[in-house]
Amino acid sequence: MPNSLDLDRRPEDTRVVVAMSGGVDSSVTAALLKAEGYDVVGVTLQLYDHGAAIHRKGACCAGQDIYDARSVAERIGIPHYVLDYESRFKEAVIDRFAESYIHGETPVPCVECNMSIKFRDLLTTARELGAEVLATGHYVASRPLAGGGWALYRAREEERDQSYFLFGTTREQLDVLRFPLGERTKTETRELARRFGLAVADKQDSQDICFVPSGHYADMIERLKPGVAEAGDIVDLDGKVLGAHSGIIHFTVGQRRGLGVATGAPLYVVRLDADLRRVVVGPREAFYSTDFNEFVLKYDDVRTALSPHDALMEFLQSTYEAGATLGGWNRRELERE
C-alpha cells in the first residue's frame, strides 16, 4: 500500500529531502514528514551574500533564516545541511534578472530560481543524498494521474496559491516533488507550527526579492552593471516627447506613479523600448487588445491534466472571473475557433 507520498514503501524506509528556507512553511513541511516517520533530511541553500540582509524582515534565505532552519532541524531531530549555491545563483538568477531589466522586461526571479536552482540543482543534490523525493513548503498541489505521472494543481487556499511560480516545472521533476501544504491553509500551517513547538510559528512571511533586501531594484542593477542607466525620453503613443527619464530600469510596464510627467489624465507605462531608451506611456485603454499576439503554453512541459485547448479555455475563464476584459473576445467565440 502506498505511503502518504504515494511511494510503495514504509515511511521509515523512505528518505525525503526538505528544502528549508527558515520560514514557517518549509519548517512545518519538515516537521509533518518527520512526524509521519519519514527519514527526513533538511537542506538550506546559501544563495547570496546576505551581509546587507541579516535580520532584515521580509527577505528570505538571509543569515537569520539559515539560523532558524538549523534550529527547527534540531528541534524536530533531523540532520541539516547548508549548501553554498551562491555562484550558480548569481549566474542563473541575479545576472539574468539584471539583464532582463536592462532590456525593458520585468522579470520574476523566483520563477527562474525554482526552474534553475531549486528544482534542477537541488533535485540533483537530493538524489545524491539518497532521497526518493524532494519536498517543499510551496502552496501548490500535485496529484498522480490515472495514466501515470503527476499533475500540478492550484492550492486549496487560492489566496496562497503559488502554482504561478512553478509553471516551468517539468514532468520528470514533478514525479519526485511533493508539496505537503497544498491542501492546507496558512492558518492551519501556523497552528501546526505551534503544536510542533517551532519558534518560527509566527515568523513574518518573506515578501521582498531575497537578493534585493532594500527593495530598490535599480540600485542593485546599477551596482552590477555600471553605466546601464542611460537617460532617454518619455513619449506618448504617437511618439510625442512628454519628458525625460534617467534610465528605463526605473520603470516597469503598468506603472502609474512616479513617471515624472503630467497631462491632466492618468498615464501608465505601456511599453519600454530599450533600443531607443524610450518609456512609452498612455491611458489605461492602451492595454486593451482584440488580438492574442502571443500566447505561450508550455503544454509539453507544464504539468496539467488539460489539453492545450482546454487549458486556454480555463485561462480565459479565470481571467473573465477576475473581472478582466479580453478585447471583445469571449469564451464561446474562441471555442468556435
Protein backbone atom coordinates (compact mmCIF):
# COMPACT_ATOMS: atom_id res chain seq x y z
CA MET A 1 0.00 0.00 0.00
CA PRO A 2 1.46 3.41 -0.97
CA ASN A 3 2.52 5.77 1.81
CA SER A 4 1.34 9.38 2.10
CA LEU A 5 3.87 10.40 -0.58
CA ASP A 6 2.42 7.77 -2.92
CA LEU A 7 5.51 5.58 -2.78
CA ASP A 8 5.31 1.82 -2.27
CA ARG A 9 7.43 1.61 0.84
CA ARG A 10 7.22 2.28 4.54
CA PRO A 11 7.84 5.89 5.64
CA GLU A 12 10.86 4.84 7.71
CA ASP A 13 12.40 3.36 4.56
CA THR A 14 11.76 6.50 2.52
CA ARG A 15 14.32 9.30 2.56
CA VAL A 16 12.92 12.76 1.89
CA VAL A 17 14.98 15.92 1.43
CA VAL A 18 13.10 19.05 2.51
CA ALA A 19 14.14 22.43 1.13
CA MET A 20 14.18 24.55 4.30
CA SER A 21 14.24 28.33 3.87
CA GLY A 22 13.88 29.08 7.57
CA GLY A 23 10.26 30.14 7.22
CA VAL A 24 7.20 28.59 8.82
CA ASP A 25 6.01 26.78 5.67
CA SER A 26 9.11 24.71 4.95
CA SER A 27 9.62 24.16 8.68
CA VAL A 28 6.14 22.66 9.07
CA THR A 29 6.70 20.56 5.94
CA ALA A 30 9.78 19.02 7.55
CA ALA A 31 8.04 18.54 10.89
CA LEU A 32 4.99 16.88 9.31
CA LEU A 33 7.09 14.38 7.36
CA LYS A 34 9.23 13.63 10.39
CA ALA A 35 6.10 13.04 12.49
CA GLU A 36 4.86 10.57 9.87
CA GLY A 37 8.04 8.57 10.30
CA TYR A 38 9.95 9.50 7.15
CA ASP A 39 13.74 9.66 7.01
CA VAL A 40 13.92 13.44 6.64
CA VAL A 41 16.99 15.48 5.73
CA GLY A 42 16.80 19.27 5.79
CA VAL A 43 18.74 21.33 3.23
CA THR A 44 19.09 25.11 3.21
CA LEU A 45 20.65 26.95 0.28
CA GLN A 46 23.09 29.82 0.81
CA LEU A 47 22.18 31.80 -2.30
CA TYR A 48 23.80 35.20 -1.94
CA ASP A 49 25.98 37.39 0.25
CA HIS A 50 23.48 38.12 2.98
CA GLY A 51 25.56 40.75 4.80
CA ALA A 52 23.17 43.57 3.94
CA ALA A 53 20.10 41.48 4.67
CA ILE A 54 20.85 39.98 8.09
CA HIS A 55 17.82 40.42 10.34
CA ARG A 56 16.01 42.23 7.52
CA LYS A 57 12.31 41.41 7.78
CA GLY A 58 10.59 40.27 4.60
CA ALA A 59 13.63 38.76 2.86
CA CYS A 60 14.18 35.01 2.74
CA CYS A 61 17.37 32.97 2.80
CA ALA A 62 19.41 35.51 4.80
CA GLY A 63 21.62 34.78 7.79
CA GLN A 64 18.78 34.73 10.32
CA ASP A 65 16.80 32.37 8.10
CA ILE A 66 19.65 29.87 7.93
CA TYR A 67 19.88 30.01 11.71
CA ASP A 68 16.11 29.46 12.01
CA ALA A 69 16.21 26.47 9.64
CA ARG A 70 19.02 24.90 11.64
CA SER A 71 17.13 25.49 14.90
CA VAL A 72 13.98 23.84 13.53
CA ALA A 73 16.00 20.85 12.33
CA GLU A 74 17.45 20.45 15.82
CA ARG A 75 14.01 20.80 17.37
CA ILE A 76 12.45 18.00 15.29
CA GLY A 77 15.58 15.85 15.28
CA ILE A 78 16.69 15.70 11.65
CA PRO A 79 20.09 16.26 10.02
CA HIS A 80 20.50 19.65 8.38
CA TYR A 81 22.92 20.87 5.72
CA VAL A 82 23.66 24.34 4.37
CA LEU A 83 24.82 24.25 0.75
CA ASP A 84 26.75 27.08 -0.90
CA TYR A 85 24.91 27.80 -4.17
CA GLU A 86 25.98 31.43 -4.28
CA SER A 87 27.93 31.37 -7.56
CA ARG A 88 25.35 29.37 -9.50
CA PHE A 89 22.53 31.53 -8.10
CA LYS A 90 24.29 34.70 -9.25
CA GLU A 91 24.77 33.31 -12.74
CA ALA A 92 21.33 31.72 -13.18
CA VAL A 93 19.15 34.24 -11.33
CA ILE A 94 20.76 37.55 -10.36
CA ASP A 95 22.62 38.22 -13.62
CA ARG A 96 19.59 37.22 -15.69
CA PHE A 97 17.40 39.45 -13.56
CA ALA A 98 19.65 42.44 -14.25
CA GLU A 99 19.85 41.70 -18.00
CA SER A 100 16.06 41.45 -18.23
CA TYR A 101 15.57 44.84 -16.60
CA ILE A 102 18.18 46.38 -18.89
CA HIS A 103 16.22 45.10 -21.90
CA GLY A 104 12.97 46.62 -20.68
CA GLU A 105 11.47 43.47 -19.20
CA THR A 106 10.03 42.86 -15.73
CA PRO A 107 11.42 39.50 -14.63
CA VAL A 108 10.15 37.29 -11.81
CA PRO A 109 13.36 35.87 -10.31
CA CYS A 110 11.52 33.41 -8.06
CA VAL A 111 10.34 31.56 -11.18
CA GLU A 112 13.88 31.33 -12.53
CA CYS A 113 15.17 30.26 -9.12
CA ASN A 114 12.66 27.41 -8.98
CA MET A 115 13.47 26.31 -12.53
CA SER A 116 17.24 26.62 -12.43
CA ILE A 117 18.23 26.16 -8.79
CA LYS A 118 15.64 24.51 -6.55
CA PHE A 119 14.05 22.08 -8.99
CA ARG A 120 17.16 21.32 -11.01
CA ASP A 121 20.34 21.61 -8.98
CA LEU A 122 18.74 20.87 -5.62
CA LEU A 123 16.95 17.83 -7.05
CA THR A 124 20.32 16.51 -8.17
CA THR A 125 21.69 17.05 -4.66
CA ALA A 126 18.67 15.29 -3.16
CA ARG A 127 19.33 12.24 -5.30
CA GLU A 128 22.98 12.29 -4.27
CA LEU A 129 21.78 12.19 -0.65
CA GLY A 130 19.77 9.07 -1.45
CA ALA A 131 16.34 10.72 -1.36
CA GLU A 132 13.34 9.37 -3.22
CA VAL A 133 11.57 12.73 -3.20
CA LEU A 134 12.19 16.44 -2.58
CA ALA A 135 9.53 18.24 -0.54
CA THR A 136 8.98 22.00 -0.31
CA GLY A 137 6.66 24.34 1.56
CA HIS A 138 5.02 25.80 -1.55
CA TYR A 139 1.26 26.24 -1.52
CA VAL A 140 0.50 24.17 -4.59
CA ALA A 141 -0.96 20.70 -5.02
CA SER A 142 0.35 17.76 -7.03
CA ARG A 143 -1.62 14.59 -7.60
CA PRO A 144 -0.97 11.38 -9.51
CA LEU A 145 -2.70 10.95 -12.87
CA ALA A 146 -4.63 7.82 -13.77
CA GLY A 147 -2.38 7.19 -16.75
CA GLY A 148 0.84 7.68 -14.81
CA GLY A 149 2.87 10.70 -13.82
CA TRP A 150 1.83 13.68 -11.76
CA ALA A 151 -0.09 16.90 -12.41
CA LEU A 152 0.22 20.31 -10.80
CA TYR A 153 -2.91 21.90 -9.33
CA ARG A 154 -3.77 25.14 -7.60
CA ALA A 155 -3.61 25.16 -3.83
CA ARG A 156 -6.69 24.72 -1.67
CA GLU A 157 -6.35 28.30 -0.37
CA GLU A 158 -6.50 30.42 -3.52
CA GLU A 159 -5.02 33.48 -1.82
CA ARG A 160 -1.87 31.46 -1.08
CA ASP A 161 -1.65 29.59 -4.38
CA GLN A 162 1.92 29.56 -5.76
CA SER A 163 1.39 27.48 -8.90
CA TYR A 164 2.29 30.56 -10.97
CA PHE A 165 5.85 30.41 -9.64
CA LEU A 166 6.13 26.74 -10.56
CA PHE A 167 4.81 26.83 -14.13
CA GLY A 168 8.18 25.77 -15.52
CA THR A 169 8.32 22.53 -13.54
CA THR A 170 8.84 19.54 -15.85
CA ARG A 171 7.01 16.22 -15.76
CA GLU A 172 10.18 14.45 -14.68
CA GLN A 173 10.65 16.87 -11.80
CA LEU A 174 7.03 16.58 -10.70
CA ASP A 175 7.43 12.83 -10.34
CA VAL A 176 9.86 13.37 -7.44
CA LEU A 177 8.46 16.60 -5.97
CA ARG A 178 5.95 16.73 -3.14
CA PHE A 179 4.05 19.70 -1.68
CA PRO A 180 2.51 18.66 1.66
CA LEU A 181 0.94 22.09 2.29
CA GLY A 182 -1.04 22.27 -0.94
CA GLU A 183 -4.21 21.06 0.71
CA ARG A 184 -3.78 23.20 3.86
CA THR A 185 -4.43 26.84 4.70
CA LYS A 186 -1.84 29.21 6.11
CA THR A 187 -3.78 29.36 9.37
CA GLU A 188 -3.58 25.58 9.66
CA THR A 189 0.14 25.69 8.93
CA ARG A 190 0.84 28.19 11.71
CA GLU A 191 -1.27 26.17 14.12
CA LEU A 192 0.73 23.05 13.26
CA ALA A 193 3.94 25.01 13.87
CA ARG A 194 2.71 25.85 17.36
CA ARG A 195 1.79 22.23 18.04
CA PHE A 196 5.27 21.14 16.98
CA GLY A 197 6.77 23.82 19.21
CA LEU A 198 8.54 25.63 16.38
CA ALA A 199 9.91 29.07 17.18
CA VAL A 200 9.06 30.24 13.64
CA ALA A 201 5.29 29.73 14.12
CA ASP A 202 4.60 33.47 13.95
CA LYS A 203 7.51 34.45 11.73
CA GLN A 204 6.68 37.01 9.05
CA ASP A 205 6.33 35.71 5.51
CA SER A 206 9.07 36.65 3.03
CA GLN A 207 7.98 39.40 0.65
CA ASP A 208 10.99 41.06 -0.92
CA ILE A 209 13.16 39.55 -3.61
CA CYS A 210 15.79 37.92 -1.45
CA PHE A 211 18.87 39.43 -3.12
CA VAL A 212 17.38 42.96 -3.16
CA PRO A 213 16.84 43.48 0.59
CA SER A 214 16.34 47.22 0.16
CA GLY A 215 13.59 46.71 -2.41
CA HIS A 216 15.36 49.15 -4.77
CA TYR A 217 15.98 47.05 -7.88
CA ALA A 218 17.51 49.84 -9.95
CA ASP A 219 20.24 50.47 -7.37
CA MET A 220 21.21 46.81 -7.42
CA ILE A 221 21.28 46.71 -11.22
CA GLU A 222 23.49 49.80 -11.41
CA ARG A 223 25.94 48.18 -8.98
CA LEU A 224 26.07 45.03 -11.11
CA LYS A 225 26.12 46.84 -14.45
CA PRO A 226 27.61 50.33 -14.01
CA GLY A 227 26.54 52.81 -16.65
CA VAL A 228 23.48 50.93 -17.92
CA ALA A 229 21.00 53.52 -16.65
CA GLU A 230 21.12 55.75 -19.71
CA ALA A 231 18.82 58.76 -19.91
CA GLY A 232 16.08 58.91 -22.53
CA ASP A 233 12.67 60.27 -23.40
CA ILE A 234 9.21 59.63 -22.05
CA VAL A 235 6.84 59.69 -25.04
CA ASP A 236 3.15 59.21 -25.69
CA LEU A 237 1.69 56.60 -28.05
CA ASP A 238 2.28 58.92 -31.02
CA GLY A 239 5.92 59.46 -30.15
CA LYS A 240 5.49 62.97 -28.76
CA VAL A 241 8.09 63.73 -26.09
CA LEU A 242 6.45 64.42 -22.73
CA GLY A 243 9.51 64.39 -20.51
CA ALA A 244 12.83 62.73 -19.75
CA HIS A 245 13.95 59.82 -17.59
CA SER A 246 17.25 58.66 -16.10
CA GLY A 247 17.05 55.03 -17.28
CA ILE A 248 14.37 52.51 -18.27
CA ILE A 249 15.46 50.29 -15.39
CA HIS A 250 13.48 52.65 -13.15
CA PHE A 251 10.21 51.72 -14.89
CA THR A 252 8.01 48.72 -15.50
CA VAL A 253 5.01 48.12 -17.75
CA GLY A 254 1.79 49.04 -15.98
CA GLN A 255 3.47 51.57 -13.67
CA ARG A 256 1.42 54.68 -12.95
CA ARG A 257 3.15 56.51 -10.13
CA GLY A 258 6.50 58.24 -10.29
CA LEU A 259 6.50 58.83 -14.04
CA GLY A 260 7.56 62.46 -13.72
CA VAL A 261 5.08 63.72 -16.34
CA ALA A 262 1.55 65.07 -16.09
CA THR A 263 -1.06 65.60 -18.83
CA GLY A 264 -4.23 66.06 -16.80
CA ALA A 265 -5.23 62.41 -17.13
CA PRO A 266 -3.76 59.25 -15.57
CA LEU A 267 -0.89 57.78 -17.57
CA TYR A 268 0.62 54.31 -17.42
CA VAL A 269 3.80 52.79 -18.78
CA VAL A 270 2.60 50.91 -21.86
CA ARG A 271 5.91 49.82 -23.33
CA LEU A 272 9.66 50.09 -22.74
CA ASP A 273 11.83 50.49 -25.80
CA ALA A 274 15.34 49.54 -24.71
CA ASP A 275 16.95 50.20 -28.11
CA LEU A 276 15.70 53.79 -28.28
CA ARG A 277 15.79 54.24 -24.48
CA ARG A 278 12.15 55.31 -24.55
CA VAL A 279 9.43 54.94 -21.97
CA VAL A 280 6.11 54.87 -23.81
CA VAL A 281 3.10 55.99 -21.76
CA GLY A 282 -0.61 56.12 -22.45
CA PRO A 283 -4.07 55.76 -20.96
CA ARG A 284 -5.32 52.58 -19.38
CA GLU A 285 -7.21 51.72 -22.57
CA ALA A 286 -3.88 51.31 -24.35
CA PHE A 287 -3.51 47.93 -22.67
CA TYR A 288 -6.66 46.55 -24.29
CA SER A 289 -6.30 44.42 -27.38
CA THR A 290 -8.54 42.42 -29.72
CA ASP A 291 -5.71 40.04 -30.59
CA PHE A 292 -3.64 37.41 -28.89
CA ASN A 293 -0.34 38.31 -30.48
CA GLU A 294 1.41 35.68 -28.46
CA PHE A 295 0.10 33.03 -26.13
CA VAL A 296 2.76 30.74 -24.77
CA LEU A 297 1.55 27.47 -23.31
CA LYS A 298 4.31 25.03 -22.45
CA TYR A 299 1.97 22.09 -22.68
CA ASP A 300 4.76 19.57 -23.20
CA ASP A 301 6.43 20.73 -20.02
CA VAL A 302 3.76 22.32 -17.84
CA ARG A 303 2.07 19.73 -15.71
CA THR A 304 -1.61 19.88 -16.49
CA ALA A 305 -4.33 17.31 -16.90
CA LEU A 306 -5.93 19.52 -19.58
CA SER A 307 -5.46 19.51 -23.34
CA PRO A 308 -3.91 22.70 -24.81
CA HIS A 309 -7.37 23.87 -25.92
CA ASP A 310 -8.96 23.23 -22.53
CA ALA A 311 -6.01 24.86 -20.76
CA LEU A 312 -6.51 28.00 -22.84
CA MET A 313 -10.23 27.95 -22.07
CA GLU A 314 -9.52 27.66 -18.34
CA PHE A 315 -7.10 30.57 -18.55
CA LEU A 316 -9.72 32.72 -20.27
CA GLN A 317 -12.40 31.68 -17.82
CA SER A 318 -10.21 32.56 -14.83
CA THR A 319 -9.41 35.92 -16.46
CA TYR A 320 -13.10 36.57 -17.03
CA GLU A 321 -13.94 35.64 -13.44
CA ALA A 322 -11.25 38.06 -12.25
CA GLY A 323 -13.15 40.88 -13.98
CA ALA A 324 -10.72 41.45 -16.86
CA THR A 325 -11.77 42.11 -20.45
CA LEU A 326 -10.28 40.37 -23.42
CA GLY A 327 -10.82 43.00 -26.08
CA GLY A 328 -14.19 41.78 -27.37
CA TRP A 329 -13.34 38.08 -27.48
CA ASN A 330 -15.37 35.77 -25.34
CA ARG A 331 -15.08 32.13 -24.38
CA ARG A 332 -17.82 30.99 -26.79
CA GLU A 333 -16.20 32.70 -29.79
CA LEU A 334 -12.83 31.13 -29.00
CA GLU A 335 -14.40 27.73 -28.56
CA ARG A 336 -15.88 28.01 -32.05
CA GLU A 337 -12.42 28.75 -33.41
